[in-house]
Protein backbone atom coordinates (compact mmCIF):
# COMPACT_ATOMS: atom_id res chain seq x y z
CA UNK A 1 297.53 32.28 204.88
CA UNK A 2 297.96 29.26 207.22
CA UNK A 3 296.08 30.82 209.83
CA UNK A 4 293.23 31.71 207.36
CA UNK A 5 293.13 28.04 206.08
CA UNK A 6 292.97 26.89 209.60
CA UNK A 7 289.93 29.19 210.30
CA UNK A 8 288.15 27.75 207.34
CA UNK A 9 288.83 24.22 208.22
CA UNK A 10 287.53 24.84 211.79
CA UNK A 11 284.32 26.60 210.32
CA UNK A 12 283.88 23.63 208.16
CA UNK A 13 284.53 21.23 210.62
CA UNK A 14 281.74 23.15 213.06
CA UNK A 15 279.35 23.06 210.18
CA UNK A 16 279.85 19.35 209.53
CA UNK A 17 279.49 18.57 213.26
CA UNK A 18 276.36 20.61 213.42
CA UNK A 19 274.88 18.65 210.63
CA UNK A 20 275.79 15.41 212.04
CA UNK A 21 274.19 16.55 215.40
CA UNK A 22 270.84 17.50 213.81
CA UNK A 23 270.85 14.27 212.04
CA UNK A 24 271.54 12.17 215.10
CA UNK A 25 269.43 14.28 217.26
CA UNK A 26 266.49 15.86 215.27
CA UNK A 27 266.11 19.65 216.06
CA UNK A 28 263.19 20.57 218.47
CA UNK A 29 260.01 21.55 216.54
CA UNK A 30 259.15 25.30 216.23
CA UNK A 31 256.66 26.61 218.84
CA UNK A 32 253.92 26.76 216.07
CA UNK A 33 254.61 23.23 215.28
CA UNK A 34 254.40 22.34 218.95
CA UNK A 35 251.17 23.98 219.37
CA UNK A 36 249.76 22.40 216.22
CA UNK A 37 250.84 19.03 217.39
CA UNK A 38 248.91 19.42 220.45
CA UNK A 39 245.78 20.77 218.87
CA UNK A 40 245.68 18.24 216.22
CA UNK A 41 246.50 14.74 217.43
CA UNK A 42 246.29 12.03 214.82
CA UNK A 43 242.80 10.47 214.91
CA UNK A 44 243.28 7.73 212.24
CA UNK A 45 239.98 8.22 210.36
CA UNK A 46 241.60 8.66 206.88
CA UNK A 47 242.91 5.68 205.22
CA UNK A 48 245.41 5.85 202.57
CA UNK A 49 242.87 5.32 199.82
CA UNK A 50 240.34 7.72 201.30
CA UNK A 51 243.11 10.30 201.66
CA UNK A 52 244.13 10.04 197.98
CA UNK A 53 240.47 10.33 197.07
CA UNK A 54 240.02 13.37 199.03
CA UNK A 55 243.42 14.98 197.55
CA UNK A 56 242.00 14.41 194.05
CA UNK A 57 238.54 16.15 195.11
CA UNK A 58 240.20 19.13 196.66
CA UNK A 59 243.07 19.44 194.10
CA UNK A 60 245.80 19.59 196.92
CA UNK A 61 248.18 16.85 198.61
CA UNK A 62 247.24 16.27 202.08
CA UNK A 63 250.58 16.86 203.95
CA UNK A 64 249.32 16.81 207.55
CA UNK A 65 246.39 14.43 207.76
CA UNK A 66 245.32 15.42 211.37
CA UNK A 67 244.14 18.85 210.09
CA UNK A 68 241.69 17.02 207.72
CA UNK A 69 240.50 14.38 210.13
CA UNK A 70 239.60 17.05 212.63
CA UNK A 71 237.80 18.91 209.87
CA UNK A 72 235.80 15.96 209.09
CA UNK A 73 234.98 14.75 212.63
CA UNK A 74 231.38 15.65 213.53
CA UNK A 75 230.65 16.11 217.30
CA UNK A 76 228.22 13.36 217.18
CA UNK A 77 231.09 10.88 216.77
CA UNK A 78 233.28 12.46 219.34
CA UNK A 79 232.62 9.74 221.87
CA UNK A 80 234.38 7.34 219.70
CA UNK A 81 237.68 8.83 220.13
CA UNK A 82 237.97 9.52 223.85
CA UNK A 83 241.44 10.68 223.70
CA UNK A 84 243.36 13.66 225.00
CA UNK A 85 243.32 16.61 222.58
CA UNK A 86 240.73 15.00 220.15
CA UNK A 87 237.86 17.49 219.52
CA UNK A 88 235.26 17.89 216.72
CA UNK A 89 235.45 20.30 213.86
CA UNK A 90 233.79 23.28 215.62
CA UNK A 91 237.00 25.00 216.32
CA UNK A 92 238.09 24.52 212.60
CA UNK A 93 234.77 25.62 211.46
CA UNK A 94 235.20 29.08 213.23
CA UNK A 95 238.31 29.52 211.46
CA UNK A 96 236.90 28.59 207.98
CA UNK A 97 234.00 30.64 208.44
CA UNK A 98 236.15 33.80 208.74
CA UNK A 99 238.43 32.58 205.79
CA UNK A 100 235.33 32.07 203.60
CA UNK A 101 233.82 35.49 204.33
CA UNK A 102 237.14 37.29 203.59
CA UNK A 103 237.92 35.07 200.42
CA UNK A 104 234.34 35.43 199.17
CA UNK A 105 234.19 39.31 199.76
CA UNK A 106 237.48 39.62 198.06
CA UNK A 107 236.18 37.68 195.00
CA UNK A 108 233.04 39.78 194.62
CA UNK A 109 235.06 42.88 194.99
CA UNK A 110 237.09 42.11 192.14
CA UNK A 111 234.57 40.35 189.98
CA UNK A 112 231.78 42.98 190.30
CA UNK A 113 233.48 46.49 190.23
CA UNK A 114 230.27 48.22 189.22
CA UNK A 115 228.20 46.85 192.08
CA UNK A 116 227.68 49.10 195.32
CA UNK A 117 228.41 47.76 198.86
CA UNK A 118 224.86 46.91 199.56
CA UNK A 119 224.62 44.54 196.52
CA UNK A 120 228.16 42.88 197.21
CA UNK A 121 226.78 42.52 200.73
CA UNK A 122 223.76 40.51 199.61
CA UNK A 123 225.64 38.41 197.27
CA UNK A 124 228.17 37.45 199.90
CA UNK A 125 225.28 36.36 202.14
CA UNK A 126 223.80 34.03 199.34
CA UNK A 127 227.35 32.38 198.80
CA UNK A 128 228.19 31.95 202.58
CA UNK A 129 224.91 30.82 203.84
CA UNK A 130 224.30 27.30 205.15
CA UNK A 131 222.25 25.94 202.22
CA UNK A 132 224.93 27.16 199.68
CA UNK A 133 227.56 25.68 201.59
CA UNK A 134 225.57 22.31 201.82
CA UNK A 135 224.96 22.28 197.97
CA UNK A 136 228.74 22.64 197.51
CA UNK A 137 229.69 19.98 200.02
CA UNK A 138 227.12 17.60 198.32
CA UNK A 139 228.53 18.23 194.90
CA UNK A 140 231.85 17.41 196.32
CA UNK A 141 230.37 14.33 197.79
CA UNK A 142 232.05 15.47 201.16
CA UNK A 143 229.73 13.09 203.28
CA UNK A 144 231.94 10.31 202.02
CA UNK A 145 234.69 11.32 204.31
CA UNK A 146 232.70 12.91 207.30
CA UNK A 147 233.11 10.97 210.57
CA UNK A 148 229.59 11.15 212.10
CA UNK A 149 227.19 9.05 214.11
CA UNK A 150 224.42 7.06 212.50
CA UNK A 151 221.60 9.59 213.57
CA UNK A 152 223.80 12.33 212.16
CA UNK A 153 224.19 10.57 208.81
CA UNK A 154 220.37 9.81 208.64
CA UNK A 155 219.64 13.67 209.14
CA UNK A 156 222.02 14.34 206.34
CA UNK A 157 220.25 11.86 204.06
CA UNK A 158 216.85 13.53 205.06
CA UNK A 159 218.31 16.88 203.73
CA UNK A 160 219.86 18.33 206.94
CA UNK A 161 222.47 21.13 205.80
CA UNK A 162 224.25 21.94 209.03
CA UNK A 163 226.72 18.96 209.20
CA UNK A 164 228.00 19.33 205.79
CA UNK A 165 228.09 23.09 205.80
CA UNK A 166 230.14 23.16 208.82
CA UNK A 167 232.40 20.41 207.65
CA UNK A 168 233.03 22.45 204.51
CA UNK A 169 234.15 25.43 206.53
CA UNK A 170 236.30 23.34 208.65
CA UNK A 171 237.99 21.93 205.48
CA UNK A 172 238.75 25.33 203.97
CA UNK A 173 240.53 25.86 207.59
CA UNK A 174 242.51 22.67 207.05
CA UNK A 175 243.56 23.55 203.75
CA UNK A 176 244.63 26.82 205.08
CA UNK A 177 246.64 25.53 207.90
CA UNK A 178 248.29 22.80 205.49
CA UNK A 179 249.14 24.89 202.45
CA UNK A 180 248.63 28.67 203.32
CA UNK A 181 246.19 31.17 202.21
CA UNK A 182 246.85 30.84 198.51
CA UNK A 183 245.85 27.29 198.63
CA UNK A 184 242.60 28.14 200.56
CA UNK A 185 241.84 31.08 198.01
CA UNK A 186 242.27 28.60 195.14
CA UNK A 187 239.81 26.07 196.85
CA UNK A 188 237.10 28.66 197.21
CA UNK A 189 237.54 30.20 193.81
CA UNK A 190 238.25 27.07 191.61
CA UNK A 191 236.00 24.65 193.55
CA UNK A 192 233.34 26.16 195.41
CA UNK A 193 232.51 29.32 193.54
CA UNK A 194 232.12 27.51 190.12
CA UNK A 195 229.49 25.20 191.72
CA UNK A 196 227.76 28.21 193.22
CA UNK A 197 227.59 29.79 189.57
CA UNK A 198 226.38 26.48 188.12
CA UNK A 199 223.60 26.21 190.69
CA UNK A 200 222.59 29.87 190.11
CA UNK A 201 223.48 30.78 193.86
CA UNK A 202 224.61 34.31 192.92
CA UNK A 203 221.32 35.42 193.06
CA UNK A 204 218.60 35.57 195.51
CA UNK A 205 217.02 32.10 196.03
CA UNK A 206 214.74 32.89 198.88
CA UNK A 207 211.71 32.47 196.65
CA UNK A 208 209.13 32.98 199.31
CA UNK A 209 210.61 36.48 199.84
CA UNK A 210 210.78 37.16 196.22
CA UNK A 211 207.14 36.05 195.66
CA UNK A 212 205.98 38.37 198.50
CA UNK A 213 207.59 41.32 197.17
CA UNK A 214 206.29 40.60 193.65
CA UNK A 215 202.81 40.57 194.83
CA UNK A 216 203.09 43.58 197.20
CA UNK A 217 204.56 45.65 194.23
CA UNK A 218 201.32 44.78 192.54
CA UNK A 219 198.99 45.53 195.17
CA UNK A 220 198.14 41.89 195.78
CA UNK A 221 197.47 40.19 199.02
CA UNK A 222 200.15 38.14 200.84
CA UNK A 223 200.41 34.71 199.75
CA UNK A 224 199.20 31.84 201.80
CA UNK A 225 200.97 28.36 202.19
CA UNK A 226 198.76 25.23 202.74
CA UNK A 227 199.98 21.72 203.19
CA UNK A 228 198.06 19.66 200.67
CA UNK A 229 199.54 16.25 201.80
CA UNK A 230 202.16 14.35 203.52
CA UNK A 231 203.71 11.16 202.37
CA UNK A 232 206.09 8.56 203.68
CA UNK A 233 207.24 7.21 206.77
CA UNK A 234 208.22 9.79 209.66
CA UNK A 235 212.02 9.54 208.87
CA UNK A 236 211.79 10.13 205.04
CA UNK A 237 208.27 12.43 204.71
CA UNK A 238 207.41 14.27 201.57
CA UNK A 239 205.34 17.32 201.90
CA UNK A 240 203.30 18.79 199.11
CA UNK A 241 202.54 22.49 199.71
CA UNK A 242 200.43 24.84 197.65
CA UNK A 243 200.74 28.60 197.69
CA UNK A 244 197.46 30.73 197.30
CA UNK A 245 196.37 34.31 196.76
CA UNK A 246 192.85 34.14 198.15
CA UNK A 247 191.44 30.72 196.60
CA UNK A 248 193.66 31.11 193.59
CA UNK A 249 196.46 28.46 193.54
CA UNK A 250 199.70 29.93 192.12
CA UNK A 251 201.98 26.98 192.48
CA UNK A 252 202.48 23.59 194.17
CA UNK A 253 205.89 22.26 195.40
CA UNK A 254 207.32 19.08 197.00
CA UNK A 255 209.89 18.90 199.72
CA UNK A 256 211.47 16.91 202.52
CA UNK A 257 210.23 19.63 204.80
CA UNK A 258 207.45 22.12 204.83
CA UNK A 259 210.02 24.82 204.41
CA UNK A 260 211.68 23.27 201.52
CA UNK A 261 208.20 22.44 199.80
CA UNK A 262 207.01 26.08 200.30
CA UNK A 263 210.11 27.41 198.51
CA UNK A 264 209.51 25.07 195.63
CA UNK A 265 206.02 26.23 195.57
CA UNK A 266 206.88 29.97 195.60
CA UNK A 267 209.39 29.24 192.80
CA UNK A 268 206.80 27.47 190.66
CA UNK A 269 204.50 30.55 191.35
CA UNK A 270 207.04 33.06 190.22
CA UNK A 271 207.85 30.88 187.04
CA UNK A 272 204.04 31.14 186.31
CA UNK A 273 203.62 34.47 186.96
CA UNK A 274 206.51 35.62 184.82
CA UNK A 275 205.08 33.39 181.98
CA UNK A 276 201.44 35.28 182.14
CA UNK A 277 203.09 38.61 182.64
CA UNK A 278 202.25 39.76 179.14
CA UNK A 279 198.53 39.24 179.93
CA UNK A 280 198.20 42.28 182.20
CA UNK A 281 195.37 44.76 183.12
CA UNK A 282 195.83 48.63 182.91
CA UNK A 283 197.54 48.77 186.14
CA UNK A 284 200.20 46.51 184.90
CA UNK A 285 199.40 43.54 187.49
CA UNK A 286 199.10 40.03 186.24
CA UNK A 287 195.50 38.47 186.44
CA UNK A 288 195.36 36.01 189.20
């Protein structure tokens, strides 16, 4: 009995000494923590206030700020942080793109069990393209936290989608690294996909393509797009474009680029064609 008590005492003493040693000399970080420490050095771009605001927007606490600081660092501002290990968000964007593709495919697979593979593929393409991501990023006001050069910010104000779309993908990766796959899944499903549904992005929004298909199916000539006017200074132009079949104007659209104005014109044309669809000839084609 005495020997057993002595063993127990020694075991308790060793545990106490180990605990004291760990407290006095913190244990070395795990290999993964060491790698992440090297890949994500603190940048200092997130203040306490901006961090709290971003947490509220994401719905998650930020445990490791360097993940998010890198996710929101555009390459145009990289020269401001000429320190070892500081890189732009492009690597995180690569990881976030893969996560977004997987999580979107998973969501569509479960949400639309009746749809074949081809339809699911098209819907995933609509949801993960740059325009959709930029719309979601703007709804989240992500530009408030993006560290970018004045010229890059100016491009965003003029309607450039790439910086915001890339930052959103990188942010998905940051949440994944900080909290795991379930948190990344929640971000995509609870924050991003509701925006996509609200903005009607779960359908084809390439109106030029839809208009072309509509007209070809009815034996009409392909539509032609004409710039009717350009307004405003060079950095903030507005284009007005009309879409025509022959000399008949089907719709007029405005946009910050010719492509955007053409899409708006095609959308107006489709809306008008649907409105007059009851007035058809014997072949079922609307009178143009």
